[in-house]
Amino acid sequence: MLRVLVALTLVGCATDGGFVWSLPEGFPEPRVPGDNPMTDAKVELGRHLFYDPRLSGNQTQSCASCHVQELAFTDGLAVSVGSTGEVHPRGSMSLVNVAYAPTLTWASPVLRHLEAQALVPMFGENPVELGLSGREDELLARLRAEPRYVELFPAAFPELDDPFTIDAIAKALAAFQRSLISADSPWDRFAAGDPSAVSEAAVRGGEFFFTEEAECFHCHGGFLFSSSVDHAGNVFDQASFQNNGLYDVDGRGAYPATNTGLFEHSGEPRDMGRFKPPTLRNVALTAPYMHDGSLATLDDVLDHYAAGGTVTTEGPNAGDGRLSPNKSLFVHGFELSAERRADLRAFLDALTDDTLLRDPRFSDPWLTPL
C-alpha cells in the first residue's frame, strides 16, 4: 500500500518574532534557536546577504553561487569551486528544507546550527570557499557602505546599538535559509488527495519506492524524503549517516582518502564511507549525485542501487562497492526492468517543486532596483 506522506493544506504558525510559517499539513514547525527568533526583517536581510558577492574576499562569489534557486539551491557541479578557484572534495548540498536538517554537511556530526554553519564558508580555510578569513573588518565596512543595509540591519536587529556584526550576519543568513520550505511538488498534491497530479507511472514508482524490496524509504522516507530529520517537537536525535556501497578501494571498505565520510570525524572503522542521506525533494534538478558527484544522472543512481553498489573498474578508486563490509543492509539490490526504471524516474520527477524555483521570496533581491 502506498504510504501517503503529507497533505498540502497550508497551516499558518506565528513565531514569537512575528514570522509566520506557511507550512503544509504534516510538516512540523522547524526548530529555531531561542537567541535567533524568526522575523520578516531578519529573513529579508538574510536574503540580501545570501545573494551579495561582498560576502567573499575577492567579491566574486556569494552564497547563491553554490546554491542556485533554479537548481533547488545546488550548483550543478560534481564538486564545488570556491571564490579563489580552490576545488572542494564534495558537492554543494541542497538548502531546500534545511530548517529540518539535524546536521548540515555531508559528513560532520557536530555542525548542527545554521548560524554556526554560515561561518564555515565565509571564514573556513580548508577548503577556502568565500575566503573572508582575517577580513572581518573589511567585510563589515563593505556592508556599512551599502545604502540598503543601512536600513536592513537595524530593522532586523533593533535591539542592537550597532547591528553590523559577524554574529548578526550569521543569524540573518540562518533565518533566510530556514524560510526555504518546499512542499508543493506534484507528489505532494497527489498525497493531498489529487489523483490527477501525477501519472500512473509515478504512482507505480512511488509504490515500489516504499517496498521492502527496494528499501529506499529507510534512508529517504518521511516528509523530508530523508531519514536525517529534526523539528521543534522532535525528542530523539535523528541525525543519520549511511554507507551506500559507492566505493571499496582496498577490499576492506576504504573510501578515497579525501572523502572518508563520518570516519573523518570519529576515527571509527565502522564509520568509513558513511554520509548523510540528502533529501530527495527536487532530486531531478540536483545532478550530479552522491557526495562527490560521481554518478552523473538519475539513471546512474538507479543502476547503483539496483546493483547493490557501484563497481569502479579502473583508476585509484577501483574496487567493488557492493562487497564493502561497511555497506548499509538496506542496499542489497533489486530487479530493475525497463518499466520499473521508467516508473521510478516518473516518481522522482514528481518530487520537483516548480513553485520553489520561481518563488520571489527566495530570489535575488539585488536584481530589483530600489
Foldseek 3Di string as FASTA:
>chain_A
DFDQFFAADWDWDADPQGDTARDGGNDFAFDDDPVQTADPLLLVVLLQQQAFLLLAPVSPDGVCCQQPLLLQTGHQDLFDAAPVRDTAQFGDAHLEQVSWFQADAWFDNPRGAQLVVVVCQRANVRPHHRHCHPPQVVSLVVLVPDVVSVPSQCVSPVVDPDSSHSSSNSSSNRSNSNNNYFQAFLSNNVSNPDVPSADPLQVVLSVVCPDLQLLQCVQQNHSQGGQRTHRDPDDDHRFFWFAQLAFDQPLAQAAPPSPQGNCVPVVDPLRGRTTGRGHLQSVQSNADDDGSRPRGHVVSVLVQQQCLHDADCDDNGGDGSNNHPNHDPSRNHHDDDPSNVSSNVRNSNRSYRVCSSPPPSNDHPVVPDD
